[in-house]
Amino acid sequence: MGLAPSHVEARIFTIVNDCKETVWARITPGEALAGGGFALEPGQSRILTAPTGWSGRIWGSTGCSFDNSGNGSCLTGGCGSSLKCGGSGGTPATLAEFTLGALDFYDVSLVYGFNLPMVVTPVHGRGNCSSAGCDGDLRDTCPSELAVKSGGQTVGCRSACDVFGSEQYCCTGVHGNSLTCQPTSYSKKFKEACPAAYSYAYDDPASIFTCADADYIVTFCSKR
């Protein structure tokens, strides 16, 4: 049996930084959600209210430096030169994706690479309401040809599409459907580290989760 229709209400998002480093949370569209960008020191969290029917992305940027006007840059997951994110961010970035309605759809995607462990946990919801995401750290096992380095450290892991740009890795052209776009050695490595996250464009649909009437905790570097 499906879930009975319910009145769609605003959702409460709690963004938590369990990392040992500062993370700059990014949200798009984010006009109603702290303007789309804010810093979280280790151990900090912030509670936001997403408007009814909101559909968008949440991710974290690392290695950022901003001036008092909010202008600057980041090593991973940046959004142009602004702290307040007005569109899609730079790669690599671990993305949480949401479409909120009578039934919410959500997932964590590595299609645009990986820069931080991230887990989405629904609370007080009805339905499947499983946690989505990746609490493993792909920076530790990233193939050298995909690695983004700074100061001798791997700070992010780019997608094979981002690095090589081929139809096979980007699921475009003759590979632009679920039959011809198959897992690659790179996406398999992503999936092995993060089985509850999307590893490429036509990954297992079971990587998309659904829940009704839930609020959500989005945790960077989850300690679960």
Protein backbone atom coordinates (compact mmCIF):
# COMPACT_ATOMS: atom_id res chain seq x y z
CA MET A 1 0.00 0.00 0.00
CA GLY A 2 1.19 3.52 -0.74
CA LEU A 3 1.36 6.30 1.75
CA ALA A 4 -1.86 8.22 2.32
CA PRO A 5 -1.76 11.76 0.91
CA SER A 6 -0.77 14.35 3.50
CA HIS A 7 -0.59 18.11 3.71
CA VAL A 8 2.83 19.22 2.53
CA GLU A 9 4.57 21.35 5.11
CA ALA A 10 7.93 23.05 5.37
CA ARG A 11 10.83 20.82 6.38
CA ILE A 12 13.41 21.40 9.08
CA PHE A 13 17.02 20.82 8.03
CA THR A 14 19.79 20.50 10.60
CA ILE A 15 23.23 20.90 9.02
CA VAL A 16 25.96 19.39 11.22
CA ASN A 17 29.74 19.57 10.90
CA ASP A 18 31.36 16.54 12.54
CA CYS A 19 34.60 17.08 10.59
CA LYS A 20 37.87 18.14 12.18
CA GLU A 21 38.03 21.10 9.81
CA THR A 22 35.82 24.08 9.01
CA VAL A 23 33.20 23.30 6.35
CA TRP A 24 31.37 25.97 4.36
CA ALA A 25 27.83 24.68 3.82
CA ARG A 26 26.37 25.47 0.39
CA ILE A 27 22.71 25.33 -0.62
CA THR A 28 21.10 26.00 -3.98
CA PRO A 29 18.56 27.43 -4.43
CA GLY A 30 19.37 28.99 -1.08
CA GLU A 31 17.67 32.38 -0.95
CA ALA A 32 15.39 31.21 1.87
CA LEU A 33 18.06 29.01 3.45
CA ALA A 34 20.66 31.32 5.02
CA GLY A 35 21.30 32.88 1.63
CA GLY A 36 22.93 29.73 0.27
CA GLY A 37 26.18 29.68 2.22
CA PHE A 38 27.68 29.82 5.71
CA ALA A 39 30.65 28.48 7.66
CA LEU A 40 30.44 25.70 10.24
CA GLU A 41 33.33 25.20 12.62
CA PRO A 42 34.06 21.65 13.84
CA GLY A 43 31.18 20.51 16.06
CA GLN A 44 28.84 23.32 15.00
CA SER A 45 25.35 22.89 13.54
CA ARG A 46 22.68 25.14 12.09
CA ILE A 47 18.92 24.68 11.81
CA LEU A 48 17.12 25.89 8.68
CA THR A 49 13.56 25.72 7.39
CA ALA A 50 13.12 24.65 3.76
CA PRO A 51 10.05 26.13 2.03
CA THR A 52 7.16 23.90 1.01
CA GLY A 53 8.01 22.06 -2.20
CA TRP A 54 11.71 22.99 -2.13
CA SER A 55 13.97 21.10 -4.55
CA GLY A 56 17.71 21.58 -4.46
CA ARG A 57 21.19 20.56 -3.37
CA ILE A 58 23.26 20.81 -0.20
CA TRP A 59 27.02 20.26 -0.06
CA GLY A 60 30.13 21.35 1.77
CA SER A 61 33.12 23.34 0.53
CA THR A 62 36.60 22.88 1.98
CA GLY A 63 39.77 24.91 2.13
CA CYS A 64 37.96 28.22 1.71
CA SER A 65 39.15 31.75 2.33
CA PHE A 66 36.70 34.67 2.26
CA ASP A 67 37.06 38.36 2.99
CA ASN A 68 34.60 40.43 5.03
CA SER A 69 32.45 40.94 1.94
CA GLY A 70 32.07 37.19 1.36
CA ASN A 71 34.37 37.06 -1.66
CA GLY A 72 37.00 34.34 -1.96
CA SER A 73 37.70 30.82 -3.16
CA CYS A 74 37.75 27.18 -2.03
CA LEU A 75 39.87 24.13 -2.79
CA THR A 76 36.79 21.91 -3.33
CA GLY A 77 33.08 22.47 -3.79
CA GLY A 78 33.39 26.22 -4.34
CA CYS A 79 30.71 28.40 -5.89
CA GLY A 80 32.42 30.99 -8.02
CA SER A 81 33.98 33.68 -5.84
CA SER A 82 31.04 34.06 -3.46
CA LEU A 83 30.17 32.58 -0.07
CA LYS A 84 26.46 32.93 -0.89
CA CYS A 85 25.92 30.30 -3.56
CA GLY A 86 23.69 31.34 -6.45
CA GLY A 87 24.02 28.24 -8.63
CA SER A 88 25.75 24.91 -9.10
CA GLY A 89 29.05 24.56 -7.32
CA GLY A 90 32.48 23.53 -8.48
CA THR A 91 33.75 19.98 -8.51
CA PRO A 92 34.62 17.75 -6.83
CA ALA A 93 31.75 17.85 -4.37
CA THR A 94 29.68 15.28 -2.50
CA LEU A 95 26.06 16.38 -3.10
CA ALA A 96 22.86 15.81 -1.13
CA GLU A 97 19.88 16.19 -3.46
CA PHE A 98 16.28 16.75 -2.32
CA THR A 99 12.86 17.06 -3.93
CA LEU A 100 10.29 17.77 -1.20
CA GLY A 101 6.59 17.07 -1.60
CA ALA A 102 3.83 14.83 -0.27
CA LEU A 103 6.57 12.22 -0.71
CA ASP A 104 10.16 13.41 -0.42
CA PHE A 105 12.90 12.07 -2.70
CA TYR A 106 16.51 12.37 -1.58
CA ASP A 107 19.93 10.94 -2.35
CA VAL A 108 23.64 11.59 -1.93
CA SER A 109 25.48 11.75 -5.23
CA LEU A 110 29.14 11.20 -6.15
CA VAL A 111 28.45 11.86 -9.83
CA TYR A 112 30.37 15.14 -9.50
CA GLY A 113 33.13 13.61 -7.39
CA PHE A 114 33.80 13.44 -3.66
CA ASN A 115 35.19 15.97 -1.23
CA LEU A 116 33.62 15.10 2.15
CA PRO A 117 31.83 12.19 3.81
CA MET A 118 28.15 13.16 4.09
CA VAL A 119 25.07 11.36 5.44
CA VAL A 120 21.40 12.37 5.20
CA THR A 121 19.27 11.06 8.07
CA PRO A 122 15.46 11.52 8.05
CA VAL A 123 13.75 12.00 11.43
CA HIS A 124 10.08 11.57 12.41
CA GLY A 125 9.15 10.46 8.89
CA ARG A 126 6.80 7.84 7.48
CA GLY A 127 7.78 5.19 4.94
CA ASN A 128 11.17 3.71 4.08
CA CYS A 129 13.10 6.73 5.41
CA SER A 130 16.55 5.12 5.24
CA SER A 131 19.75 7.07 5.69
CA ALA A 132 21.50 8.00 2.45
CA GLY A 133 25.08 8.94 1.86
CA CYS A 134 28.68 8.10 2.34
CA ASP A 135 30.43 7.89 5.71
CA GLY A 136 33.58 6.46 4.13
CA ASP A 137 36.38 8.79 3.03
CA LEU A 138 37.25 8.40 -0.65
CA ARG A 139 40.14 10.82 -0.24
CA ASP A 140 42.05 7.96 1.36
CA THR A 141 41.63 5.61 -1.63
CA CYS A 142 41.21 8.01 -4.57
CA PRO A 143 43.03 6.90 -7.73
CA SER A 144 45.95 9.25 -8.37
CA GLU A 145 44.59 10.33 -11.77
CA LEU A 146 41.38 11.59 -10.08
CA ALA A 147 42.95 13.13 -6.99
CA VAL A 148 42.86 16.85 -6.19
CA LYS A 149 45.89 17.69 -4.07
CA SER A 150 46.93 20.61 -1.91
CA GLY A 151 50.07 20.73 0.19
CA GLY A 152 50.77 17.08 -0.58
CA GLN A 153 47.35 16.00 0.76
CA THR A 154 44.44 14.61 -1.28
CA VAL A 155 41.58 17.07 -0.62
CA GLY A 156 39.09 15.70 -3.16
CA CYS A 157 38.43 12.94 -5.68
CA ARG A 158 37.14 14.03 -9.10
CA SER A 159 34.74 11.92 -11.15
CA ALA A 160 36.09 10.09 -14.19
CA CYS A 161 33.71 12.18 -16.34
CA ASP A 162 35.20 15.37 -14.94
CA VAL A 163 38.76 14.19 -15.64
CA PHE A 164 38.46 12.36 -18.96
CA GLY A 165 35.25 13.82 -20.46
CA SER A 166 34.45 10.71 -22.51
CA GLU A 167 30.94 9.52 -23.38
CA GLN A 168 31.60 6.27 -21.51
CA TYR A 169 32.36 8.02 -18.22
CA CYS A 170 29.83 10.87 -18.67
CA CYS A 171 26.91 8.67 -19.83
CA THR A 172 26.38 10.81 -22.93
CA GLY A 173 26.08 10.09 -26.66
CA VAL A 174 25.81 6.37 -27.36
CA HIS A 175 26.22 5.80 -23.62
CA GLY A 176 23.34 8.14 -22.75
CA ASN A 177 20.93 5.55 -21.35
CA SER A 178 20.80 2.97 -18.59
CA LEU A 179 21.46 0.06 -20.96
CA THR A 180 24.69 1.35 -22.50
CA CYS A 181 26.03 3.35 -19.53
CA GLN A 182 27.45 0.70 -17.27
CA PRO A 183 29.61 0.88 -14.12
CA THR A 184 33.30 1.54 -14.73
CA SER A 185 36.31 0.65 -12.63
CA TYR A 186 36.15 4.17 -11.18
CA SER A 187 32.44 4.19 -10.32
CA LYS A 188 32.81 0.71 -8.80
CA LYS A 189 35.51 2.05 -6.49
CA PHE A 190 33.16 4.89 -5.47
CA LYS A 191 30.30 2.43 -4.91
CA GLU A 192 32.47 0.09 -2.87
CA ALA A 193 33.37 2.92 -0.50
CA CYS A 194 29.86 4.41 -0.44
CA PRO A 195 27.16 1.78 -1.17
CA ALA A 196 24.29 4.12 -0.16
CA ALA A 197 25.32 6.88 -2.60
CA TYR A 198 24.94 7.42 -6.34
CA SER A 199 28.25 6.55 -8.02
CA TYR A 200 27.42 7.40 -11.66
CA ALA A 201 24.52 8.84 -13.66
CA TYR A 202 22.60 5.57 -14.13
CA ASP A 203 23.45 3.94 -10.83
CA ASP A 204 21.03 1.61 -9.06
CA PRO A 205 17.70 3.41 -8.53
CA ALA A 206 17.79 1.96 -5.01
CA SER A 207 20.26 4.77 -4.30
CA ILE A 208 17.27 7.18 -4.36
CA PHE A 209 15.35 7.17 -1.07
CA THR A 210 11.83 8.28 -0.19
CA CYS A 211 10.16 9.46 3.00
CA ALA A 212 7.02 11.38 3.97
CA ASP A 213 6.57 14.09 6.61
CA ALA A 214 10.22 14.00 7.68
CA ASP A 215 12.77 16.52 8.80
CA TYR A 216 16.40 15.93 7.82
CA ILE A 217 19.82 15.93 9.43
CA VAL A 218 22.65 16.49 6.96
CA THR A 219 25.97 15.57 8.57
CA PHE A 220 29.43 16.21 7.18
CA CYS A 221 31.90 13.51 8.35
CA SER A 222 29.19 11.53 10.14
CA LYS A 223 30.42 9.55 13.12
CA ARG A 224 27.67 6.95 12.90
